[in-house]
Amino acid sequence: DVLRLTGPDDAISLFTDAPWVYTLTERRNATRFPMADTWSPRMGNSTYDLFSAQFLDGLERNTPKLFVLSQDNYPWIDQNHIANWKNMKGVHAYVEANYSYIGESGPFLLFVRAR
């Protein structure tokens, strides 16, 4: 679905621990981070706020065509990607304001840029 919904020059963003999606789809990353969910469960640690702000900055500057969120328990058991995304308030608010949910593709939830 990522290939069908994007072109070779479009950026995408992953909120997951599945950076191979960039390679397999040959789509560039909208942020400088290969994934977001490495830091998101660590709310309250000294780098969480800095990471969240930098991840959001990448989204705002590069406006990826797709925001890709892993369903829970993929690729690892006991991963709570959806709750982690919602807890990352700035990123969650940005996606909710600028993207529309369009459905599932395998273990991923896809959001396409609305503007």
C-alpha atoms as a PDB file:
ATOM      1  CA  ASP A   1       0.000   0.000   0.000  1.00  0.00           C
ATOM      2  CA  VAL A   2       2.855   2.419   0.700  1.00  0.00           C
ATOM      3  CA  LEU A   3       4.018   2.044  -2.899  1.00  0.00           C
ATOM      4  CA  ARG A   4       0.506   2.534  -4.258  1.00  0.00           C
ATOM      5  CA  LEU A   5      -0.146   5.621  -2.124  1.00  0.00           C
ATOM      6  CA  THR A   6       3.183   7.380  -2.609  1.00  0.00           C
ATOM      7  CA  GLY A   7       5.601   8.269  -5.363  1.00  0.00           C
ATOM      8  CA  PRO A   8       9.381   7.873  -5.391  1.00  0.00           C
ATOM      9  CA  ASP A   9       9.880  11.482  -4.278  1.00  0.00           C
ATOM     10  CA  ASP A  10       7.445  11.281  -1.353  1.00  0.00           C
ATOM     11  CA  ALA A  11       8.640  11.019   2.227  1.00  0.00           C
ATOM     12  CA  ILE A  12       7.025   8.766   4.819  1.00  0.00           C
ATOM     13  CA  SER A  13       7.339   8.602   8.585  1.00  0.00           C
ATOM     14  CA  LEU A  14       7.285   5.522  10.799  1.00  0.00           C
ATOM     15  CA  PHE A  15       6.102   5.346  14.370  1.00  0.00           C
ATOM     16  CA  THR A  16       7.275   1.822  14.910  1.00  0.00           C
ATOM     17  CA  ASP A  17      10.396  -0.265  15.261  1.00  0.00           C
ATOM     18  CA  ALA A  18      10.384  -1.412  11.620  1.00  0.00           C
ATOM     19  CA  PRO A  19      12.919   0.762   9.746  1.00  0.00           C
ATOM     20  CA  TRP A  20      13.143  -1.803   6.950  1.00  0.00           C
ATOM     21  CA  VAL A  21       9.933  -0.249   5.579  1.00  0.00           C
ATOM     22  CA  TYR A  22      12.016   2.661   4.216  1.00  0.00           C
ATOM     23  CA  THR A  23      14.327   0.281   2.386  1.00  0.00           C
ATOM     24  CA  LEU A  24      11.627  -2.039   1.059  1.00  0.00           C
ATOM     25  CA  THR A  25       9.467   0.827  -0.219  1.00  0.00           C
ATOM     26  CA  GLU A  26      12.378   2.966  -1.420  1.00  0.00           C
ATOM     27  CA  ARG A  27      10.766   5.966   0.236  1.00  0.00           C
ATOM     28  CA  ARG A  28      12.760   8.553   2.141  1.00  0.00           C
ATOM     29  CA  ASN A  29      12.359   9.190   5.820  1.00  0.00           C
ATOM     30  CA  ALA A  30      10.710  12.483   6.766  1.00  0.00           C
ATOM     31  CA  THR A  31      12.638  12.733  10.030  1.00  0.00           C
ATOM     32  CA  ARG A  32      16.227  12.024  10.947  1.00  0.00           C
ATOM     33  CA  PHE A  33      15.121   9.134  13.139  1.00  0.00           C
ATOM     34  CA  PRO A  34      14.601   5.669  11.623  1.00  0.00           C
ATOM     35  CA  MET A  35      11.709   5.068  14.034  1.00  0.00           C
ATOM     36  CA  ALA A  36      10.013   6.779  16.939  1.00  0.00           C
ATOM     37  CA  ASP A  37       8.870   4.047  19.233  1.00  0.00           C
ATOM     38  CA  THR A  38      12.306   3.398  20.678  1.00  0.00           C
ATOM     39  CA  TRP A  39      12.023   6.571  22.765  1.00  0.00           C
ATOM     40  CA  SER A  40       8.292   6.974  23.189  1.00  0.00           C
ATOM     41  CA  PRO A  41       7.801   4.500  26.075  1.00  0.00           C
ATOM     42  CA  ARG A  42      10.450   6.346  28.061  1.00  0.00           C
ATOM     43  CA  MET A  43       8.357   9.337  29.027  1.00  0.00           C
ATOM     44  CA  GLY A  44       9.957  11.331  31.779  1.00  0.00           C
ATOM     45  CA  ASN A  45      13.540  10.498  30.884  1.00  0.00           C
ATOM     46  CA  SER A  46      15.884  13.343  30.037  1.00  0.00           C
ATOM     47  CA  THR A  47      15.911  12.765  26.285  1.00  0.00           C
ATOM     48  CA  TYR A  48      12.188  12.121  25.773  1.00  0.00           C
ATOM     49  CA  ASP A  49      11.101  15.755  25.421  1.00  0.00           C
ATOM     50  CA  LEU A  50      14.072  16.583  23.186  1.00  0.00           C
ATOM     51  CA  PHE A  51      13.450  13.567  20.962  1.00  0.00           C
ATOM     52  CA  SER A  52       9.708  14.300  20.755  1.00  0.00           C
ATOM     53  CA  ALA A  53      10.377  17.901  19.715  1.00  0.00           C
ATOM     54  CA  GLN A  54      12.941  16.881  17.094  1.00  0.00           C
ATOM     55  CA  PHE A  55      10.702  14.144  15.691  1.00  0.00           C
ATOM     56  CA  LEU A  56       7.814  16.613  15.447  1.00  0.00           C
ATOM     57  CA  ASP A  57      10.084  19.180  13.805  1.00  0.00           C
ATOM     58  CA  GLY A  58      10.970  16.653  11.095  1.00  0.00           C
ATOM     59  CA  LEU A  59       7.290  15.958  10.460  1.00  0.00           C
ATOM     60  CA  GLU A  60       6.439  19.647  10.228  1.00  0.00           C
ATOM     61  CA  ARG A  61       9.368  20.555   7.961  1.00  0.00           C
ATOM     62  CA  ASN A  62       9.152  17.580   5.604  1.00  0.00           C
ATOM     63  CA  THR A  63       5.383  16.879   5.638  1.00  0.00           C
ATOM     64  CA  PRO A  64       5.487  13.156   4.854  1.00  0.00           C
ATOM     65  CA  LYS A  65       2.757  11.887   2.584  1.00  0.00           C
ATOM     66  CA  LEU A  66       2.155   8.913   4.885  1.00  0.00           C
ATOM     67  CA  PHE A  67       2.434   8.469   8.612  1.00  0.00           C
ATOM     68  CA  VAL A  68       2.793   4.768   9.399  1.00  0.00           C
ATOM     69  CA  LEU A  69       1.925   3.454  12.861  1.00  0.00           C
ATOM     70  CA  SER A  70       2.491  -0.154  13.904  1.00  0.00           C
ATOM     71  CA  GLN A  71      -0.319  -2.038  15.492  1.00  0.00           C
ATOM     72  CA  ASP A  72       0.470  -3.213  18.997  1.00  0.00           C
ATOM     73  CA  ASN A  73       2.735  -6.255  19.402  1.00  0.00           C
ATOM     74  CA  TYR A  74       4.517  -5.758  16.069  1.00  0.00           C
ATOM     75  CA  PRO A  75       7.330  -6.401  15.486  1.00  0.00           C
ATOM     76  CA  TRP A  76       7.839  -7.319  19.143  1.00  0.00           C
ATOM     77  CA  ILE A  77       5.428  -8.739  21.717  1.00  0.00           C
ATOM     78  CA  ASP A  78       4.349  -6.315  24.453  1.00  0.00           C
ATOM     79  CA  GLN A  79       4.878  -3.223  22.289  1.00  0.00           C
ATOM     80  CA  ASN A  80       2.152  -0.630  22.808  1.00  0.00           C
ATOM     81  CA  HIS A  81       2.718   1.576  19.776  1.00  0.00           C
ATOM     82  CA  ILE A  82      -0.752   3.115  19.711  1.00  0.00           C
ATOM     83  CA  ALA A  83      -0.687   4.219  23.377  1.00  0.00           C
ATOM     84  CA  ASN A  84       2.918   5.412  22.992  1.00  0.00           C
ATOM     85  CA  TRP A  85       1.931   7.519  19.975  1.00  0.00           C
ATOM     86  CA  LYS A  86      -1.026   9.027  21.828  1.00  0.00           C
ATOM     87  CA  ASN A  87       1.215   9.821  24.801  1.00  0.00           C
ATOM     88  CA  MET A  88       3.637  11.719  22.555  1.00  0.00           C
ATOM     89  CA  LYS A  89       1.223  14.653  22.644  1.00  0.00           C
ATOM     90  CA  GLY A  90       2.787  16.958  20.033  1.00  0.00           C
ATOM     91  CA  VAL A  91       3.289  14.215  17.444  1.00  0.00           C
ATOM     92  CA  HIS A  92      -0.168  12.792  18.070  1.00  0.00           C
ATOM     93  CA  ALA A  93      -1.814  16.224  17.751  1.00  0.00           C
ATOM     94  CA  TYR A  94       0.101  16.968  14.540  1.00  0.00           C
ATOM     95  CA  VAL A  95      -0.972  13.701  12.895  1.00  0.00           C
ATOM     96  CA  GLU A  96      -4.571  14.081  14.050  1.00  0.00           C
ATOM     97  CA  ALA A  97      -4.715  17.631  12.632  1.00  0.00           C
ATOM     98  CA  ASN A  98      -2.991  16.951   9.303  1.00  0.00           C
ATOM     99  CA  TYR A  99      -3.629  13.327   8.350  1.00  0.00           C
ATOM    100  CA  SER A 100      -6.580  11.059   7.711  1.00  0.00           C
ATOM    101  CA  TYR A 101      -6.650   7.409   8.723  1.00  0.00           C
ATOM    102  CA  ILE A 102      -7.087   5.295   5.599  1.00  0.00           C
ATOM    103  CA  GLY A 103      -6.813   1.755   6.925  1.00  0.00           C
ATOM    104  CA  GLU A 104      -4.552  -1.161   7.677  1.00  0.00           C
ATOM    105  CA  SER A 105      -1.775  -2.675   5.619  1.00  0.00           C
ATOM    106  CA  GLY A 106      -0.538  -5.835   7.277  1.00  0.00           C
ATOM    107  CA  PRO A 107       0.612  -4.873  10.785  1.00  0.00           C
ATOM    108  CA  PHE A 108       0.533  -1.133  10.009  1.00  0.00           C
ATOM    109  CA  LEU A 109      -2.066   1.606  10.353  1.00  0.00           C
ATOM    110  CA  LEU A 110      -1.775   4.159   7.549  1.00  0.00           C
ATOM    111  CA  PHE A 111      -2.520   7.869   7.737  1.00  0.00           C
ATOM    112  CA  VAL A 112      -2.351   9.979   4.557  1.00  0.00           C
ATOM    113  CA  ARG A 113      -1.628  13.701   4.582  1.00  0.00           C
ATOM    114  CA  ALA A 114      -4.921  15.572   4.218  1.00  0.00           C
ATOM    115  CA  ARG A 115      -3.461  18.908   3.123  1.00  0.00           C
END
